[in-house]
């Protein structure tokens, strides 16, 4: 019988005391340790079983403390990885030009990407409409994952015209997963962001496994259209970003004056 049960307290309940609830006291002490940098970003906190033994409580009480710390944004709780001190979210500027590798490079972070799959499909109406093509036009459907210093940040599905971009699977692979570099191989030196639509939902099992996040963790969904400087759409991408690792920064005028001759 646990000490909580012996005191008539249900597992995971919040027993009251002079210092407030037990789970809150555990959470406050862990938060203070994080503030003192005893636990640094990326560090894993002691397991709930170990903390339960230390405090003489049921492990569900410790888990309630972990949930509170997660609500405060101090930790993330992931299946198979335990409870880790949250790493500051990576700012991801969204302006007329969007390049994850460039954004990461400015922060001193190494951005990499890899292709997961590539196929030619019959273009469905939503994708073809976004690219101003007739429904049924053959499209590339290319899936990839983006990483920051080896940590998965997001996964994206790209749609492009097969006629405009023949052998795009090879170009994307040879460009090491860089859309910008792949475009250069087709003579496209510059392109702009026409629109970005942002939503949010919970991750499905496949996304959680790929991004190494907890099942049903929050993810941000970005649906974006890129175009040539004359505003001809060439690229539709739907991305799923780990919400705990990324934050979107809207900068509609962020690159004005840095690229003369481009569209205002």
Protein backbone atom coordinates (compact mmCIF):
# COMPACT_ATOMS: atom_id res chain seq x y z
CA UNK A 1 0.00 0.00 0.00
CA UNK A 2 1.34 3.43 -0.90
CA UNK A 3 1.70 6.24 1.63
CA UNK A 4 -1.10 8.09 -0.15
CA UNK A 5 -3.40 5.09 0.14
CA UNK A 6 -2.48 4.70 3.79
CA UNK A 7 -3.63 8.28 4.34
CA UNK A 8 -6.85 7.60 2.45
CA UNK A 9 -5.75 9.61 -0.58
CA UNK A 10 -6.56 8.32 -4.06
CA UNK A 11 -3.60 7.96 -6.43
CA UNK A 12 -3.00 11.21 -8.29
CA UNK A 13 -5.19 13.24 -5.95
CA UNK A 14 -4.03 16.57 -4.57
CA UNK A 15 -3.56 16.19 -0.78
CA UNK A 16 -3.56 19.49 1.03
CA UNK A 17 -0.90 20.61 3.46
CA UNK A 18 0.69 23.73 4.81
CA UNK A 19 2.74 24.08 1.63
CA UNK A 20 -0.23 23.56 -0.65
CA UNK A 21 -0.89 20.39 -2.63
CA UNK A 22 1.87 17.79 -2.75
CA UNK A 23 2.00 17.75 -6.55
CA UNK A 24 2.28 21.53 -6.56
CA UNK A 25 5.18 21.43 -4.09
CA UNK A 26 6.98 18.89 -6.29
CA UNK A 27 6.32 21.03 -9.36
CA UNK A 28 7.54 24.20 -7.62
CA UNK A 29 10.75 22.51 -6.48
CA UNK A 30 11.44 21.14 -9.97
CA UNK A 31 10.68 24.55 -11.50
CA UNK A 32 13.13 26.17 -9.08
CA UNK A 33 15.78 23.60 -10.01
CA UNK A 34 15.23 24.39 -13.68
CA UNK A 35 15.53 28.11 -12.96
CA UNK A 36 18.83 27.47 -11.12
CA UNK A 37 19.93 25.57 -14.27
CA UNK A 38 20.39 22.35 -12.35
CA UNK A 39 18.43 20.98 -15.29
CA UNK A 40 19.25 22.59 -18.63
CA UNK A 41 17.24 22.63 -21.87
CA UNK A 42 17.13 19.10 -23.24
CA UNK A 43 17.96 17.46 -19.91
CA UNK A 44 15.67 14.66 -18.74
CA UNK A 45 14.11 14.98 -15.29
CA UNK A 46 14.22 12.02 -12.89
CA UNK A 47 11.60 9.38 -13.67
CA UNK A 48 8.23 9.58 -11.94
CA UNK A 49 8.98 6.35 -10.05
CA UNK A 50 12.22 7.79 -8.64
CA UNK A 51 10.58 11.07 -7.63
CA UNK A 52 7.62 9.24 -6.13
CA UNK A 53 10.01 7.31 -3.90
CA UNK A 54 11.91 10.48 -3.00
CA UNK A 55 8.75 12.35 -1.96
CA UNK A 56 6.89 9.34 -0.58
CA UNK A 57 3.92 9.71 -2.94
CA UNK A 58 2.23 7.76 -5.70
CA UNK A 59 3.78 8.16 -9.14
CA UNK A 60 0.49 9.62 -10.42
CA UNK A 61 1.06 12.57 -8.08
CA UNK A 62 4.45 13.16 -9.71
CA UNK A 63 2.88 12.89 -13.14
CA UNK A 64 0.41 15.59 -12.14
CA UNK A 65 3.39 17.78 -11.24
CA UNK A 66 4.91 17.02 -14.65
CA UNK A 67 1.64 18.00 -16.37
CA UNK A 68 1.65 21.30 -14.51
CA UNK A 69 5.23 22.01 -15.59
CA UNK A 70 4.25 21.12 -19.15
CA UNK A 71 1.31 23.54 -18.98
CA UNK A 72 3.80 26.23 -17.94
CA UNK A 73 5.96 25.37 -20.94
CA UNK A 74 8.90 24.31 -18.77
CA UNK A 75 9.01 20.66 -19.84
CA UNK A 76 7.77 18.33 -22.53
CA UNK A 77 6.55 14.83 -21.77
CA UNK A 78 7.25 12.31 -24.53
CA UNK A 79 6.68 8.59 -24.75
CA UNK A 80 9.98 6.76 -24.65
CA UNK A 81 11.99 9.90 -23.81
CA UNK A 82 10.62 10.83 -20.39
CA UNK A 83 10.13 14.40 -19.18
CA UNK A 84 12.62 16.83 -20.66
CA UNK A 85 13.33 20.48 -19.95
CA UNK A 86 11.91 22.47 -22.83
CA UNK A 87 14.31 23.84 -25.39
CA UNK A 88 13.41 27.41 -26.49
CA UNK A 89 11.21 27.36 -29.56
CA UNK A 90 12.90 28.03 -32.87
CA UNK A 91 11.57 31.27 -34.42
CA UNK A 92 10.46 30.68 -38.00
CA UNK A 93 9.96 33.98 -39.87
CA UNK A 94 7.25 34.01 -42.54
CA UNK A 95 7.61 36.82 -45.03
CA UNK A 96 7.82 37.15 -48.79
CA UNK A 97 10.61 34.58 -48.76
CA UNK A 98 10.72 31.54 -46.51
CA UNK A 99 13.75 29.27 -46.19
CA UNK A 100 14.08 27.04 -43.16
CA UNK A 101 17.79 26.48 -43.69
CA UNK A 102 18.45 30.20 -44.04
CA UNK A 103 16.40 30.92 -40.91
CA UNK A 104 18.31 28.28 -38.95
CA UNK A 105 21.65 29.46 -40.28
CA UNK A 106 21.01 32.96 -38.92
CA UNK A 107 20.59 31.37 -35.48
CA UNK A 108 23.76 29.33 -35.76
CA UNK A 109 21.76 26.12 -36.20
CA UNK A 110 22.48 23.52 -38.87
CA UNK A 111 19.36 22.81 -40.89
CA UNK A 112 19.08 19.61 -42.89
CA UNK A 113 16.33 17.83 -44.78
CA UNK A 114 15.82 14.42 -46.28
CA UNK A 115 13.32 12.99 -48.72
CA UNK A 116 10.96 10.35 -47.41
CA UNK A 117 9.14 9.51 -50.64
CA UNK A 118 8.39 10.81 -54.13
CA UNK A 119 5.66 9.85 -56.60
CA UNK A 120 3.83 11.19 -59.62
CA UNK A 121 0.11 11.43 -58.90
CA UNK A 122 -3.03 12.66 -60.63
CA UNK A 123 -3.43 16.16 -59.27
CA UNK A 124 -6.55 16.64 -57.18
CA UNK A 125 -8.59 19.81 -57.51
CA UNK A 126 -7.34 21.66 -54.39
CA UNK A 127 -3.66 21.26 -55.29
CA UNK A 128 -4.21 22.01 -58.98
CA UNK A 129 -6.28 25.08 -58.17
CA UNK A 130 -3.55 26.41 -55.89
CA UNK A 131 -1.02 25.94 -58.69
CA UNK A 132 -3.42 27.31 -61.33
CA UNK A 133 -3.45 24.04 -63.21
CA UNK A 134 -6.31 21.95 -64.57
CA UNK A 135 -7.61 19.26 -62.23
CA UNK A 136 -6.01 15.95 -63.09
CA UNK A 137 -2.69 17.49 -64.15
CA UNK A 138 0.17 15.14 -63.21
CA UNK A 139 1.91 16.42 -60.08
CA UNK A 140 4.91 15.45 -58.06
CA UNK A 141 4.02 14.53 -54.50
CA UNK A 142 7.24 14.63 -52.50
CA UNK A 143 7.43 14.06 -48.77
CA UNK A 144 10.34 15.13 -46.61
CA UNK A 145 11.41 15.87 -43.06
CA UNK A 146 13.38 18.91 -41.81
CA UNK A 147 15.77 18.85 -38.86
CA UNK A 148 17.62 21.42 -36.74
CA UNK A 149 20.94 20.14 -35.41
CA UNK A 150 19.57 16.66 -35.99
CA UNK A 151 16.27 17.23 -34.15
CA UNK A 152 13.11 16.75 -36.27
CA UNK A 153 11.24 20.04 -36.58
CA UNK A 154 8.66 19.35 -39.24
CA UNK A 155 7.55 17.18 -42.11
CA UNK A 156 6.23 18.50 -45.40
CA UNK A 157 4.39 17.29 -48.49
CA UNK A 158 5.26 19.18 -51.68
CA UNK A 159 3.23 19.38 -54.88
CA UNK A 160 4.77 20.58 -58.15
CA UNK A 161 4.00 20.27 -61.86
CA UNK A 162 5.65 17.25 -63.49
CA UNK A 163 5.81 19.12 -66.80
CA UNK A 164 7.59 22.13 -65.30
CA UNK A 165 9.85 20.04 -63.05
CA UNK A 166 10.80 16.78 -64.80
CA UNK A 167 12.78 14.36 -62.63
CA UNK A 168 12.16 16.50 -59.57
CA UNK A 169 12.71 13.51 -57.32
CA UNK A 170 16.30 13.31 -58.52
CA UNK A 171 16.80 17.10 -58.29
CA UNK A 172 15.41 17.20 -54.74
CA UNK A 173 17.55 14.26 -53.65
CA UNK A 174 20.71 15.74 -55.19
CA UNK A 175 19.91 19.05 -53.47
CA UNK A 176 19.89 17.20 -50.12
CA UNK A 177 16.27 18.04 -49.52
CA UNK A 178 16.60 21.77 -50.22
CA UNK A 179 13.71 23.13 -52.29
CA UNK A 180 15.68 26.32 -53.00
CA UNK A 181 18.70 24.40 -54.30
CA UNK A 182 16.46 22.09 -56.33
CA UNK A 183 14.78 25.10 -57.96
CA UNK A 184 18.17 26.50 -58.95
CA UNK A 185 18.81 23.36 -61.00
CA UNK A 186 15.80 24.40 -63.10
CA UNK A 187 17.10 27.94 -63.54
CA UNK A 188 14.89 29.44 -60.82
CA UNK A 189 17.16 31.78 -58.86
CA UNK A 190 14.42 33.49 -56.85
CA UNK A 191 10.87 32.81 -55.74
CA UNK A 192 8.42 34.43 -53.33
CA UNK A 193 5.79 33.31 -50.87
CA UNK A 194 2.27 34.02 -52.14
CA UNK A 195 0.42 32.87 -49.05
CA UNK A 196 0.72 30.89 -45.83
CA UNK A 197 -2.29 29.45 -44.04
CA UNK A 198 -1.74 28.36 -40.43
CA UNK A 199 -3.87 26.02 -38.35
CA UNK A 200 -3.27 23.62 -35.45
CA UNK A 201 -4.36 20.17 -34.36
CA UNK A 202 -3.07 17.10 -32.50
CA UNK A 203 -0.41 14.89 -34.05
CA UNK A 204 -1.41 11.47 -35.36
CA UNK A 205 0.67 8.41 -34.52
CA UNK A 206 2.81 8.52 -37.67
CA UNK A 207 3.60 12.22 -37.19
CA UNK A 208 4.42 11.73 -33.51
CA UNK A 209 6.84 8.93 -34.34
CA UNK A 210 8.50 10.83 -37.19
CA UNK A 211 8.86 14.08 -35.20
CA UNK A 212 9.74 12.28 -31.97
CA UNK A 213 6.99 13.96 -29.98
CA UNK A 214 4.31 12.64 -27.66
CA UNK A 215 1.22 11.10 -29.28
CA UNK A 216 -1.46 13.75 -29.73
CA UNK A 217 1.01 16.54 -29.01
CA UNK A 218 0.10 19.88 -30.57
CA UNK A 219 1.35 20.45 -34.11
CA UNK A 220 1.13 23.50 -36.36
CA UNK A 221 -0.07 23.03 -39.92
CA UNK A 222 1.27 25.37 -42.58
CA UNK A 223 -0.18 25.33 -46.09
CA UNK A 224 1.86 27.58 -48.34
CA UNK A 225 2.13 28.56 -51.99
CA UNK A 226 5.39 29.73 -53.56
CA UNK A 227 5.63 31.56 -56.88
CA UNK A 228 8.03 33.01 -59.39
CA UNK A 229 8.73 36.75 -59.03
CA UNK A 230 5.95 37.36 -61.61
CA UNK A 231 3.58 35.63 -59.11
CA UNK A 232 3.12 32.45 -61.17
CA UNK A 233 2.52 29.65 -58.60
CA UNK A 234 5.03 26.80 -58.82
CA UNK A 235 5.02 25.06 -55.44
CA UNK A 236 2.41 24.01 -52.90
CA UNK A 237 3.61 22.63 -49.58
CA UNK A 238 1.68 21.39 -46.56
CA UNK A 239 3.90 21.15 -43.48
CA UNK A 240 3.40 19.73 -40.01
CA UNK A 241 5.62 21.35 -37.36
CA UNK A 242 6.22 20.21 -33.79
CA UNK A 243 4.46 22.92 -31.78
CA UNK A 244 6.80 22.52 -28.83
CA UNK A 245 9.84 23.30 -30.99
CA UNK A 246 8.70 25.99 -33.42
CA UNK A 247 7.05 29.39 -33.31
CA UNK A 248 5.87 31.27 -36.39
CA UNK A 249 6.93 34.92 -36.70
CA UNK A 250 4.97 36.85 -39.32
CA UNK A 251 7.25 39.37 -41.07
CA UNK A 252 5.41 40.63 -44.18
CA UNK A 253 7.99 43.40 -44.72
CA UNK A 254 10.97 41.69 -43.12
CA UNK A 255 13.15 41.52 -46.23
CA UNK A 256 12.28 44.84 -47.87
CA UNK A 257 15.32 46.77 -48.97
CA UNK A 258 17.61 43.73 -48.85
CA UNK A 259 16.86 42.46 -52.33
CA UNK A 260 16.64 45.28 -54.85
CA UNK A 261 14.46 44.72 -57.87
CA UNK A 262 12.11 42.27 -56.16
CA UNK A 263 8.37 42.64 -55.82
CA UNK A 264 7.30 44.89 -52.88
